[in-house]
Protein backbone atom coordinates (compact mmCIF):
# COMPACT_ATOMS: atom_id res chain seq x y z
CA MET A 1 -16.01 48.23 -54.15
CA GLY A 2 -19.69 49.15 -53.50
CA THR A 3 -22.77 47.03 -54.24
CA ALA A 4 -23.86 48.92 -57.08
CA GLU A 5 -20.35 49.01 -58.49
CA GLN A 6 -20.45 45.26 -58.03
CA VAL A 7 -23.44 44.75 -60.05
CA GLY A 8 -21.94 46.75 -62.86
CA HIS A 9 -18.61 44.79 -62.77
CA TYR A 10 -20.22 41.49 -62.78
CA LYS A 11 -22.59 42.59 -65.89
CA LYS A 12 -19.60 43.61 -67.53
CA LEU A 13 -17.63 40.18 -67.01
CA ARG A 14 -20.68 37.99 -67.57
CA PRO A 15 -19.21 35.46 -64.96
CA PHE A 16 -19.85 31.58 -65.32
CA VAL A 17 -21.74 30.12 -62.19
CA GLU A 18 -21.51 26.69 -61.60
CA ILE A 19 -24.97 25.30 -60.38
CA MET A 20 -25.11 22.21 -57.95
CA ASP A 21 -28.60 20.90 -57.37
CA SER A 22 -29.34 19.01 -54.05
CA THR A 23 -32.87 18.16 -54.51
CA LEU A 24 -32.15 14.48 -54.03
CA ARG A 25 -30.11 15.06 -50.76
CA ASP A 26 -31.27 18.38 -49.07
CA GLY A 27 -34.68 18.69 -50.77
CA GLU A 28 -35.43 15.18 -49.55
CA GLN A 29 -35.02 16.76 -46.11
CA THR A 30 -38.48 18.26 -46.65
CA SER A 31 -40.99 17.12 -44.21
CA GLY A 32 -43.00 14.20 -45.53
CA VAL A 33 -40.81 13.94 -48.69
CA SER A 34 -39.11 10.58 -49.45
CA PHE A 35 -38.12 9.32 -52.76
CA LEU A 36 -37.91 5.72 -53.89
CA PRO A 37 -34.66 4.48 -55.51
CA HIS A 38 -36.11 4.35 -59.16
CA GLU A 39 -37.57 7.95 -58.45
CA LYS A 40 -34.26 9.28 -57.46
CA LEU A 41 -32.84 7.81 -60.73
CA MET A 42 -35.49 9.60 -62.93
CA ILE A 43 -34.77 12.79 -61.38
CA ALA A 44 -31.10 12.42 -61.36
CA ARG A 45 -31.51 11.57 -65.23
CA MET A 46 -33.40 14.55 -66.07
CA LEU A 47 -31.19 16.93 -64.15
CA LEU A 48 -28.00 15.55 -65.76
CA ARG A 49 -29.03 14.66 -69.40
CA ASP A 50 -31.84 17.20 -70.01
CA LEU A 51 -31.47 20.34 -67.64
CA ASN A 52 -27.70 19.97 -67.78
CA VAL A 53 -26.93 21.13 -64.09
CA ASP A 54 -23.28 20.85 -63.40
CA ARG A 55 -23.36 18.66 -60.48
CA ILE A 56 -26.14 16.83 -58.28
CA GLU A 57 -25.85 15.96 -54.71
CA VAL A 58 -27.93 12.72 -54.49
CA ALA A 59 -27.78 11.46 -50.86
CA SER A 60 -26.21 11.53 -47.41
CA ALA A 61 -23.98 8.64 -46.50
CA ARG A 62 -24.93 5.66 -44.47
CA VAL A 63 -28.70 6.59 -44.21
CA SER A 64 -30.46 3.30 -45.33
CA GLU A 65 -30.09 0.25 -47.72
CA GLY A 66 -32.52 1.98 -49.94
CA GLU A 67 -30.27 5.22 -50.28
CA LYS A 68 -27.50 2.86 -51.01
CA GLU A 69 -29.36 1.31 -53.74
CA ALA A 70 -30.44 4.75 -55.14
CA VAL A 71 -26.95 6.05 -55.04
CA THR A 72 -25.45 3.04 -56.84
CA MET A 73 -28.16 3.15 -59.66
CA ILE A 74 -27.41 6.82 -59.90
CA CYS A 75 -23.60 6.33 -60.35
CA ARG A 76 -23.79 3.39 -62.68
CA TYR A 77 -26.20 5.31 -65.00
CA ALA A 78 -23.82 8.56 -64.76
CA ALA A 79 -20.72 6.47 -65.64
CA GLN A 80 -22.64 5.25 -68.72
CA ILE A 81 -23.00 8.83 -69.82
CA ASP A 82 -19.74 9.81 -68.77
CA MET A 83 -21.01 12.21 -65.87
CA LEU A 84 -19.90 10.38 -62.99
CA ASP A 85 -17.70 13.25 -61.83
CA ARG A 86 -20.95 15.37 -61.59
CA VAL A 87 -22.44 13.01 -58.98
CA GLU A 88 -21.88 13.84 -55.24
CA VAL A 89 -22.70 12.47 -52.01
CA LEU A 90 -22.65 14.21 -48.52
CA GLY A 91 -20.38 12.42 -46.07
CA PHE A 92 -19.32 13.05 -42.54
CA VAL A 93 -15.98 13.29 -40.42
CA ASP A 94 -16.57 9.71 -39.09
CA GLY A 95 -13.15 8.28 -39.81
CA GLN A 96 -13.41 5.82 -42.67
CA LEU A 97 -17.19 4.96 -42.51
CA SER A 98 -18.59 7.57 -45.00
CA VAL A 99 -15.87 7.35 -47.39
CA ASP A 100 -16.10 3.61 -47.45
CA TRP A 101 -19.93 3.74 -47.93
CA ILE A 102 -19.55 6.29 -50.67
CA ALA A 103 -16.83 4.20 -52.58
CA SER A 104 -18.80 1.06 -52.39
CA CYS A 105 -21.72 2.80 -54.30
CA GLY A 106 -19.20 3.80 -57.21
CA CYS A 107 -19.37 7.35 -56.27
CA LYS A 108 -16.12 9.51 -56.86
CA THR A 109 -17.05 12.56 -54.87
CA ILE A 110 -17.67 13.05 -51.08
CA ASN A 111 -19.33 16.48 -49.80
CA LEU A 112 -17.57 16.36 -46.53
CA LEU A 113 -19.61 18.03 -43.66
CA ALA A 114 -17.53 20.00 -41.13
CA LYS A 115 -18.39 22.54 -38.55
CA GLY A 116 -18.18 26.29 -39.71
CA SER A 117 -18.91 27.51 -36.32
CA LEU A 118 -17.00 27.37 -32.98
CA ARG A 119 -20.43 27.03 -31.24
CA HIS A 120 -21.23 23.93 -33.31
CA CYS A 121 -17.62 22.42 -32.94
CA ARG A 122 -17.59 22.82 -29.29
CA GLU A 123 -21.35 22.11 -28.39
CA GLN A 124 -22.33 19.55 -30.78
CA LEU A 125 -18.79 17.76 -31.14
CA GLN A 126 -17.60 18.66 -27.91
CA LYS A 127 -14.11 19.00 -29.44
CA THR A 128 -11.49 21.79 -29.65
CA PRO A 129 -10.97 23.38 -33.05
CA LYS A 130 -7.72 21.54 -33.40
CA GLU A 131 -9.22 18.27 -32.65
CA HIS A 132 -11.98 18.84 -35.27
CA ILE A 133 -9.35 19.97 -37.82
CA ASP A 134 -7.29 16.77 -37.21
CA ASP A 135 -10.46 14.70 -37.83
CA ILE A 136 -11.08 16.56 -40.97
CA LEU A 137 -7.67 16.09 -42.05
CA ASP A 138 -7.64 12.39 -41.59
CA THR A 139 -10.92 11.74 -43.46
CA VAL A 140 -9.59 13.99 -46.43
CA ARG A 141 -6.39 11.84 -46.55
CA TYR A 142 -8.43 8.65 -46.49
CA ALA A 143 -10.84 9.89 -49.15
CA ARG A 144 -7.93 10.68 -51.42
CA GLU A 145 -6.30 7.47 -50.84
CA LYS A 146 -9.76 5.74 -52.04
CA GLY A 147 -9.63 7.86 -55.04
CA LEU A 148 -12.47 10.20 -54.20
CA SER A 149 -12.61 13.93 -54.90
CA VAL A 150 -13.28 16.11 -51.73
CA ASN A 151 -15.52 19.06 -51.35
CA LEU A 152 -16.02 20.62 -47.82
CA TYR A 153 -19.11 21.99 -46.18
CA LEU A 154 -18.50 24.38 -43.46
CA GLU A 155 -21.80 23.81 -41.77
CA ASP A 156 -23.43 27.09 -39.73
CA TRP A 157 -20.82 29.04 -41.75
CA SER A 158 -22.97 32.20 -41.44
CA ASN A 159 -23.09 32.14 -37.70
CA GLY A 160 -19.39 31.17 -37.75
CA MET A 161 -18.48 34.54 -39.71
CA LYS A 162 -21.02 36.37 -37.34
CA GLU A 163 -19.95 34.98 -33.98
CA SER A 164 -16.57 33.34 -34.49
CA PRO A 165 -14.71 34.42 -37.62
CA SER A 166 -11.33 33.51 -36.15
CA TYR A 167 -12.46 29.89 -35.84
CA VAL A 168 -13.73 29.83 -39.63
CA TYR A 169 -10.16 31.30 -40.62
CA GLN A 170 -8.26 28.76 -38.56
CA VAL A 171 -10.18 26.11 -40.22
CA MET A 172 -9.77 27.46 -43.61
CA ASP A 173 -5.96 28.03 -42.98
CA ALA A 174 -5.55 24.33 -42.20
CA LEU A 175 -7.28 23.00 -44.96
CA CYS A 176 -6.77 25.38 -48.08
CA ASP A 177 -3.75 23.70 -49.45
CA THR A 178 -4.96 20.10 -48.89
CA GLY A 179 -6.44 19.49 -52.26
CA ILE A 180 -10.06 20.06 -51.36
CA ARG A 181 -11.62 21.06 -54.53
CA ARG A 182 -14.60 23.24 -53.20
CA PHE A 183 -15.33 24.97 -50.03
CA MET A 184 -19.10 25.20 -49.75
CA LEU A 185 -20.46 27.96 -47.28
CA PRO A 186 -23.86 27.39 -46.22
CA ASP A 187 -26.28 29.57 -44.35
CA THR A 188 -27.39 26.57 -42.61
CA LEU A 189 -30.33 28.26 -40.42
CA GLY A 190 -31.09 30.82 -43.00
CA ILE A 191 -30.29 34.00 -40.77
CA MET A 192 -28.43 36.15 -43.11
CA ASN A 193 -29.51 39.02 -45.49
CA PRO A 194 -27.94 39.96 -48.64
CA LEU A 195 -25.60 42.89 -47.11
CA GLN A 196 -24.28 40.42 -44.48
CA CYS A 197 -23.74 37.83 -47.28
CA ILE A 198 -21.70 40.36 -49.36
CA GLU A 199 -19.63 41.40 -46.40
CA TYR A 200 -18.86 37.69 -45.37
CA PHE A 201 -18.25 36.45 -48.88
CA ARG A 202 -15.78 39.47 -49.57
CA LYS A 203 -13.96 38.61 -46.49
CA MET A 204 -13.59 34.88 -47.48
CA VAL A 205 -12.63 35.77 -51.30
CA LYS A 206 -10.00 38.44 -50.21
CA ARG A 207 -8.50 36.11 -47.66
CA TYR A 208 -8.46 32.86 -49.91
CA PRO A 209 -8.38 34.25 -53.45
CA ASP A 210 -7.54 30.93 -55.11
CA ALA A 211 -10.25 28.92 -53.46
CA HIS A 212 -13.46 27.93 -55.21
CA PHE A 213 -16.31 28.85 -52.90
CA ASP A 214 -19.96 27.64 -53.44
CA PHE A 215 -22.96 29.03 -51.40
CA HIS A 216 -25.75 27.08 -49.94
CA ALA A 217 -28.82 29.14 -49.08
CA HIS A 218 -31.79 28.41 -46.83
CA ASN A 219 -34.94 30.29 -47.05
CA ASP A 220 -36.11 30.83 -43.41
CA TYR A 221 -36.57 34.79 -44.07
CA ASP A 222 -37.49 34.32 -47.58
CA LEU A 223 -34.07 35.66 -48.65
CA ALA A 224 -32.51 32.43 -50.30
CA VAL A 225 -32.68 33.77 -53.70
CA SER A 226 -31.43 37.27 -52.68
CA ASN A 227 -28.62 35.83 -50.64
CA SER A 228 -27.38 33.69 -53.69
CA LEU A 229 -27.29 36.39 -55.87
CA ALA A 230 -25.41 38.52 -53.32
CA ALA A 231 -22.95 35.65 -53.02
CA VAL A 232 -22.26 35.64 -56.70
CA LEU A 233 -21.68 39.25 -56.91
CA SER A 234 -19.19 38.79 -54.00
CA GLY A 235 -17.16 36.18 -55.71
CA ALA A 236 -19.00 32.80 -55.16
CA LYS A 237 -18.30 30.50 -58.10
CA GLY A 238 -21.12 27.89 -57.45
CA LEU A 239 -24.74 27.99 -56.02
CA HIS A 240 -26.61 25.38 -54.33
CA VAL A 241 -30.19 25.06 -55.41
CA THR A 242 -33.24 22.46 -55.33
CA VAL A 243 -36.10 22.00 -57.77
CA ASN A 244 -39.12 23.68 -56.54
CA GLY A 245 -37.00 25.24 -53.31
CA LEU A 246 -37.58 21.89 -51.68
CA GLY A 247 -35.40 21.51 -48.41
CA GLU A 248 -35.72 21.46 -44.63
CA ARG A 249 -37.88 24.04 -42.88
CA CYS A 250 -38.70 26.75 -45.30
CA GLY A 251 -36.61 25.01 -48.12
CA ASN A 252 -33.59 26.26 -50.29
CA ALA A 253 -33.10 28.53 -53.32
CA PRO A 254 -35.22 27.30 -56.14
CA LEU A 255 -33.50 26.35 -59.11
CA SER A 256 -35.65 28.22 -61.53
CA SER A 257 -35.69 31.49 -59.82
CA VAL A 258 -31.90 31.58 -59.41
CA GLN A 259 -31.29 30.59 -63.14
CA VAL A 260 -33.62 33.34 -64.70
CA ILE A 261 -32.36 36.14 -62.19
CA LEU A 262 -28.65 35.19 -62.81
CA LYS A 263 -29.22 35.35 -66.40
CA ASP A 264 -31.54 38.34 -66.78
CA GLN A 265 -30.54 40.62 -63.94
CA PHE A 266 -26.66 39.96 -64.02
CA GLN A 267 -25.95 38.38 -67.44
CA ALA A 268 -24.35 35.52 -65.71
CA LYS A 269 -23.65 32.20 -67.73
CA THR A 270 -24.79 28.74 -66.66
CA ASN A 271 -25.15 25.63 -68.39
CA ILE A 272 -28.92 25.22 -67.55
CA GLN A 273 -31.23 24.32 -70.34
CA GLU A 274 -34.14 26.59 -69.44
CA ASP A 275 -36.74 25.01 -71.54
CA LYS A 276 -36.44 21.86 -69.19
CA LEU A 277 -37.18 23.98 -65.92
CA ASN A 278 -40.93 23.14 -66.31
CA ASP A 279 -40.50 19.63 -66.98
CA ILE A 280 -38.21 18.90 -64.00
CA SER A 281 -40.44 20.95 -61.61
CA HIS A 282 -43.46 18.87 -62.37
CA LEU A 283 -41.38 15.55 -62.35
CA VAL A 284 -40.39 16.44 -58.79
CA GLU A 285 -43.80 17.79 -57.84
CA GLY A 286 -45.31 14.36 -58.55
CA TYR A 287 -42.66 12.34 -56.96
CA SER A 288 -42.48 14.59 -53.81
CA GLY A 289 -46.24 15.16 -53.34
CA ILE A 290 -45.25 18.97 -52.79
CA ALA A 291 -47.57 21.09 -54.91
CA ILE A 292 -46.13 23.90 -56.90
CA ALA A 293 -47.93 27.05 -55.79
CA PRO A 294 -49.89 28.64 -58.81
CA ASN A 295 -47.96 31.86 -58.39
CA GLN A 296 -44.51 30.44 -58.18
CA PRO A 297 -42.17 32.24 -60.58
CA ILE A 298 -41.48 30.58 -63.75
CA ILE A 299 -43.09 27.23 -62.97
CA GLY A 300 -46.49 28.09 -61.38
CA ASP A 301 -49.66 27.54 -63.31
CA ASN A 302 -50.61 31.13 -63.28
CA VAL A 303 -47.39 32.92 -64.03
CA PHE A 304 -47.96 33.28 -67.80
CA THR A 305 -51.48 33.70 -67.59
CA GLN A 306 -53.11 37.37 -68.10
CA VAL A 307 -56.17 37.89 -66.01
CA ALA A 308 -57.09 41.62 -66.60
CA GLY A 309 -58.73 42.46 -69.96
CA VAL A 310 -56.47 45.48 -70.22
CA HIS A 311 -53.30 43.38 -70.12
CA ALA A 312 -54.53 41.35 -73.09
CA ASP A 313 -55.34 44.45 -74.96
CA GLY A 314 -51.85 45.62 -74.23
CA ASP A 315 -50.20 42.42 -75.55
CA ASN A 316 -51.97 43.00 -78.85
CA LYS A 317 -50.41 46.34 -78.95
CA ASN A 318 -46.74 45.52 -79.30
CA GLY A 319 -46.48 43.41 -75.96
CA LEU A 320 -47.03 46.28 -73.61
CA TYR A 321 -47.41 43.97 -70.56
CA GLN A 322 -44.73 41.46 -71.42
CA ASN A 323 -41.19 41.20 -69.94
CA GLU A 324 -38.01 39.11 -70.78
CA LEU A 325 -39.79 36.04 -69.05
CA VAL A 326 -41.51 35.08 -72.08
CA PRO A 327 -43.26 31.57 -71.62
CA GLU A 328 -41.76 30.03 -74.88
CA ARG A 329 -38.40 30.53 -73.19
CA PHE A 330 -39.49 27.83 -70.74
CA GLY A 331 -41.34 25.54 -72.95
CA ARG A 332 -44.71 26.99 -72.00
CA LYS A 333 -47.15 29.50 -73.57
CA ARG A 334 -49.03 32.64 -72.68
CA GLU A 335 -52.74 32.14 -71.78
CA TYR A 336 -55.48 34.71 -71.03
CA ALA A 337 -57.76 33.71 -68.22
CA LEU A 338 -61.54 33.62 -68.60
CA GLY A 339 -63.37 35.19 -65.78
CA LYS A 340 -65.02 38.43 -64.38
CA ASN A 341 -61.91 40.22 -65.02
CA SER A 342 -61.41 39.08 -68.48
CA GLY A 343 -62.78 41.81 -70.91
CA ARG A 344 -63.24 41.36 -74.71
CA ALA A 345 -59.52 41.33 -75.45
CA ASN A 346 -59.11 38.19 -73.17
CA ILE A 347 -62.01 36.56 -74.90
CA ALA A 348 -60.92 37.29 -78.32
CA LYS A 349 -57.41 35.98 -77.72
CA ASN A 350 -58.99 32.50 -76.65
CA LEU A 351 -61.45 32.54 -79.37
CA GLU A 352 -58.55 33.29 -81.90
CA GLU A 353 -56.57 30.49 -80.65
CA LEU A 354 -59.54 28.03 -81.27
CA GLY A 355 -60.39 29.48 -84.65
CA LEU A 356 -63.69 30.95 -83.67
CA GLU A 357 -64.74 34.21 -85.31
CA LEU A 358 -67.48 36.26 -83.50
CA THR A 359 -68.87 39.66 -84.22
CA ALA A 360 -68.20 42.64 -81.79
CA GLU A 361 -71.74 42.14 -80.47
CA GLN A 362 -71.45 38.46 -80.11
CA THR A 363 -68.03 38.78 -78.44
CA ARG A 364 -69.75 41.17 -75.84
CA ARG A 365 -72.59 38.63 -75.13
CA VAL A 366 -70.16 35.70 -74.49
CA THR A 367 -67.99 38.21 -72.31
CA GLN A 368 -71.03 39.14 -70.23
CA ARG A 369 -71.80 35.32 -69.72
CA ILE A 370 -68.23 34.43 -68.70
CA THR A 371 -68.36 37.27 -66.23
CA GLU A 372 -71.48 35.86 -64.76
CA LEU A 373 -69.92 32.55 -64.30
CA GLY A 374 -66.74 34.26 -62.61
CA ASP A 375 -69.06 36.04 -60.21
CA LYS A 376 -70.19 32.76 -59.20
CA LYS A 377 -66.54 31.63 -58.70
CA GLU A 378 -66.70 29.13 -61.65
CA ILE A 379 -63.56 28.67 -63.33
CA VAL A 380 -63.85 28.90 -67.17
CA THR A 381 -61.36 27.25 -69.47
CA GLN A 382 -60.70 27.71 -73.08
CA GLU A 383 -62.16 24.21 -73.61
CA ASP A 384 -65.39 25.57 -72.13
CA LEU A 385 -65.54 28.52 -74.83
CA PRO A 386 -67.28 26.54 -77.56
CA PHE A 387 -70.24 25.42 -75.24
CA ILE A 388 -70.50 28.98 -73.83
CA VAL A 389 -70.63 30.12 -77.42
CA SER A 390 -73.30 27.67 -78.38
CA ASP A 391 -75.50 28.42 -75.31
CA VAL A 392 -75.16 32.24 -75.46
CA LEU A 393 -75.56 32.70 -79.19
CA LYS A 394 -78.05 30.00 -80.02
CA HIS A 395 -76.69 30.12 -83.60
CA ASP A 396 -76.24 27.26 -86.12
CA ALA A 397 -73.65 25.47 -84.19
CA PRO A 398 -74.94 21.73 -83.74
CA GLU A 399 -75.97 20.28 -80.44
CA ASP A 400 -73.76 18.25 -78.25
CA ARG A 401 -73.09 14.87 -80.01
CA VAL A 402 -72.76 12.92 -76.73
CA LYS A 403 -75.70 13.52 -74.30
CA LEU A 404 -76.59 11.90 -70.91
CA ILE A 405 -80.27 10.74 -70.95
CA SER A 406 -80.35 9.24 -67.49
CA TYR A 407 -78.22 7.66 -64.89
CA VAL A 408 -78.73 6.03 -61.55
CA VAL A 409 -75.82 5.39 -59.17
CA SER A 410 -75.99 3.46 -55.91
CA THR A 411 -73.88 2.33 -52.88
CA ALA A 412 -74.71 0.06 -49.91
CA TYR A 413 -72.85 -1.26 -47.04
CA GLY A 414 -71.01 -4.46 -47.99
CA LEU A 415 -71.77 -4.02 -51.71
CA LYS A 416 -69.48 -2.55 -54.50
CA PRO A 417 -71.04 0.79 -56.01
CA GLY A 418 -72.89 0.42 -58.96
CA ALA A 419 -74.20 2.63 -61.78
CA ASN A 420 -76.75 2.47 -64.74
CA VAL A 421 -76.34 4.77 -67.57
CA LYS A 422 -78.13 5.57 -70.72
CA VAL A 423 -76.40 8.10 -73.12
CA GLU A 424 -77.04 9.24 -76.67
CA ILE A 425 -74.05 9.33 -79.01
CA ASN A 426 -74.40 10.80 -82.50
CA GLY A 427 -78.39 10.46 -82.28
CA ARG A 428 -78.26 6.62 -81.11
CA GLN A 429 -79.11 5.79 -77.62
CA TYR A 430 -76.95 3.20 -75.68
CA GLU A 431 -77.28 1.78 -72.12
CA ALA A 432 -74.93 -0.35 -69.68
CA SER A 433 -74.53 -1.07 -66.22
CA ALA A 434 -71.19 -1.68 -64.17
CA THR A 435 -69.76 -1.66 -60.54
CA GLY A 436 -66.67 0.04 -59.60
CA ASP A 437 -64.63 1.35 -56.67
CA GLY A 438 -66.79 4.18 -56.23
CA GLN A 439 -69.93 5.88 -57.78
CA TYR A 440 -68.04 7.80 -60.43
CA ASP A 441 -65.77 4.87 -61.24
CA ALA A 442 -68.84 2.64 -61.70
CA PHE A 443 -70.49 5.61 -63.92
CA VAL A 444 -67.19 5.66 -66.10
CA ARG A 445 -66.85 1.93 -66.33
CA SER A 446 -70.38 1.85 -67.80
CA LEU A 447 -69.35 4.41 -70.34
CA ARG A 448 -66.19 2.59 -71.31
CA TYR A 449 -68.31 -0.58 -71.79
CA ILE A 450 -70.59 1.34 -74.25
CA TYR A 451 -67.68 2.68 -76.18
CA LYS A 452 -66.00 -0.56 -76.53
CA LYS A 453 -68.89 -2.79 -77.26
CA TYR A 454 -71.26 -0.57 -79.42
CA LEU A 455 -68.80 1.72 -80.94
CA ASP A 456 -65.44 -0.25 -81.03
CA ARG A 457 -63.52 2.82 -79.75
CA SER A 458 -61.31 3.43 -76.87
CA PHE A 459 -62.47 5.80 -73.90
CA PRO A 460 -59.95 8.47 -73.06
CA LEU A 461 -57.72 7.56 -69.84
CA LEU A 462 -58.31 9.54 -66.83
CA GLN A 463 -55.00 10.88 -65.82
CA ASN A 464 -55.71 13.16 -62.87
CA TYR A 465 -58.70 13.88 -60.73
CA GLN A 466 -59.06 16.85 -58.27
CA VAL A 467 -61.96 18.03 -56.17
CA SER A 468 -61.96 21.54 -54.58
CA ILE A 469 -64.38 24.16 -53.27
CA PRO A 470 -64.07 27.40 -55.10
CA PRO A 471 -61.83 29.74 -53.12
CA GLY A 472 -64.04 31.70 -50.36
CA GLY A 473 -66.50 28.84 -50.41
CA ARG A 474 -67.95 27.43 -47.25
CA THR A 475 -69.08 23.92 -46.41
CA ASP A 476 -72.21 24.01 -48.38
CA ALA A 477 -70.45 25.73 -51.33
CA LEU A 478 -70.37 24.32 -54.79
CA VAL A 479 -67.95 21.59 -55.45
CA GLN A 480 -65.50 22.09 -58.68
CA THR A 481 -64.27 18.71 -60.03
CA THR A 482 -61.30 19.17 -62.40
CA ILE A 483 -60.22 15.91 -64.48
CA THR A 484 -57.17 15.53 -66.76
CA TRP A 485 -57.69 13.08 -69.52
CA ASN A 486 -55.42 11.39 -72.09
CA ASP A 487 -56.46 10.18 -75.38
CA GLN A 488 -53.62 8.57 -77.27
CA GLY A 489 -51.30 11.25 -76.18
CA LYS A 490 -53.68 14.37 -76.49
CA ILE A 491 -54.15 16.04 -73.04
CA LEU A 492 -57.38 17.81 -72.17
CA ARG A 493 -58.46 19.04 -68.66
CA THR A 494 -62.07 19.84 -68.20
CA ARG A 495 -64.11 21.09 -65.06
CA GLY A 496 -67.72 20.49 -63.65
CA LEU A 497 -69.36 22.60 -61.16
CA ASP A 498 -72.06 21.25 -58.94
CA ALA A 499 -73.34 20.84 -55.29
CA ASP A 500 -72.91 17.11 -55.62
CA GLN A 501 -69.23 15.70 -56.36
CA THR A 502 -70.44 12.91 -58.45
CA GLU A 503 -72.65 15.18 -60.56
CA ALA A 504 -69.71 17.79 -60.91
CA ALA A 505 -67.51 14.92 -62.22
CA ILE A 506 -69.92 13.69 -64.59
CA LYS A 507 -70.38 17.18 -66.09
CA ALA A 508 -66.61 17.45 -66.66
CA THR A 509 -66.86 14.02 -68.20
CA PHE A 510 -69.34 15.00 -70.82
CA LYS A 511 -67.43 18.17 -71.61
CA MET A 512 -64.58 15.94 -72.49
CA LEU A 513 -66.49 13.47 -74.48
CA ASN A 514 -68.04 16.20 -76.65
CA ILE A 515 -64.83 17.86 -77.19
CA PHE A 516 -63.10 14.77 -78.38
CA GLU A 517 -66.25 13.88 -80.38
CA LYS A 518 -66.29 17.25 -82.22
CA GLU A 519 -62.73 17.10 -83.08
CA LYS A 520 -63.15 13.61 -84.44
CA ASN A 521 -65.83 15.09 -86.73
CA ASN A 522 -63.94 18.19 -87.45
CA GLU A 523 -66.42 20.60 -85.91
CA LEU A 524 -64.24 22.80 -83.96
């Protein structure tokens, strides 16, 4: 059956594909990533309970005491919600050591790592195929005696099929009737292309039609997703993925991309709850410290943001620039960027969401100002729009309720940074001084004091603080400070742009204060 015929065949069958997430094992092999036990538990909880992945691989056996603590915590939690059979740990052909370690954690499934290529068997293990097979059989027998279910990795399987297929078949012939539940076929070094994947998988499925084959892709040639789909088209019943594509070297197949392509391009069925993909991606981003690229499909910040004004215009005319990847499907919403390419349609979309109505001439003038800001590399957010409208149109909108009258910040060797701040809030002036861990921290502490003592009000919590130079900038370029605030559950992000980092942060802070103050007084 040709490739095109296979695609049509699988579209008609709507196959079910089992998803195994390896973020907590293979994903943790990303350079610089190490999850704490409680972080592993939080990720595992979301993967099982919210995202509903079929299986999770949570660790490698015998790594550390911290790893053992994490596996024990996850297994205890999974048992409480009747999902222990969905938790798996990578083990090794090491006699009884891995099996005992995994069993002591309360886990019931071992993913046994065996050699899937003759070169690995001879050169790394320095054993004959028969010696290695005998060792595997001994470990499998002991695991079953201990009550563990066994899945088997054939490490470097892609090279095995390329260079030594007879060895792969020798191993499979010896193991296919031993009660091993799944045979997991990895492209360990990420060397395959989709045509090779189809060829090798078809050979395996034809020779062992009753076996359950998983495919485990690596992304060295940026083909992990393509190879995963090729494997499904050729008979793979399960795919291995990681959140955000984490993994050794170039990583693994990203869960979000694999899910949507399986569903939309091949009409395959999975158990994944798509509206939780964004949540799990940002949870893992926070714990791993590996940022999600803004243009990462499905989960990136920019993927549901239209920049060109013609696209916003087309969306107004029966969704001309939309596809099946609608943001609401993933718990997100479509946004329309504000910048030099926006055009009036983008501006109108954002004004509409804010409930601001402008004439065509007023919209033109606001568009012109946003274009000018875009030329200076300043990022304009929807929260900035009311300020731009007030500034450009000079209409009857009231002035800012929160104004900075004056401030002094200082730092000296051996002393904590300090700040003296005078502000005007709703027509009354207040002044306060404070010290802090930095100049901006001292500034904010002064504001907190004013809000608490004089206004008896809480001050929004600073949730995230990011400093960057606009793209294309030089060392003397303007500094952009982006601050995320949390005011009793309401999240707001504001930006400030200035040559001085502290001044940029102060601008972002007063944007935030005015937005919250105007909302408090029902002005927006």
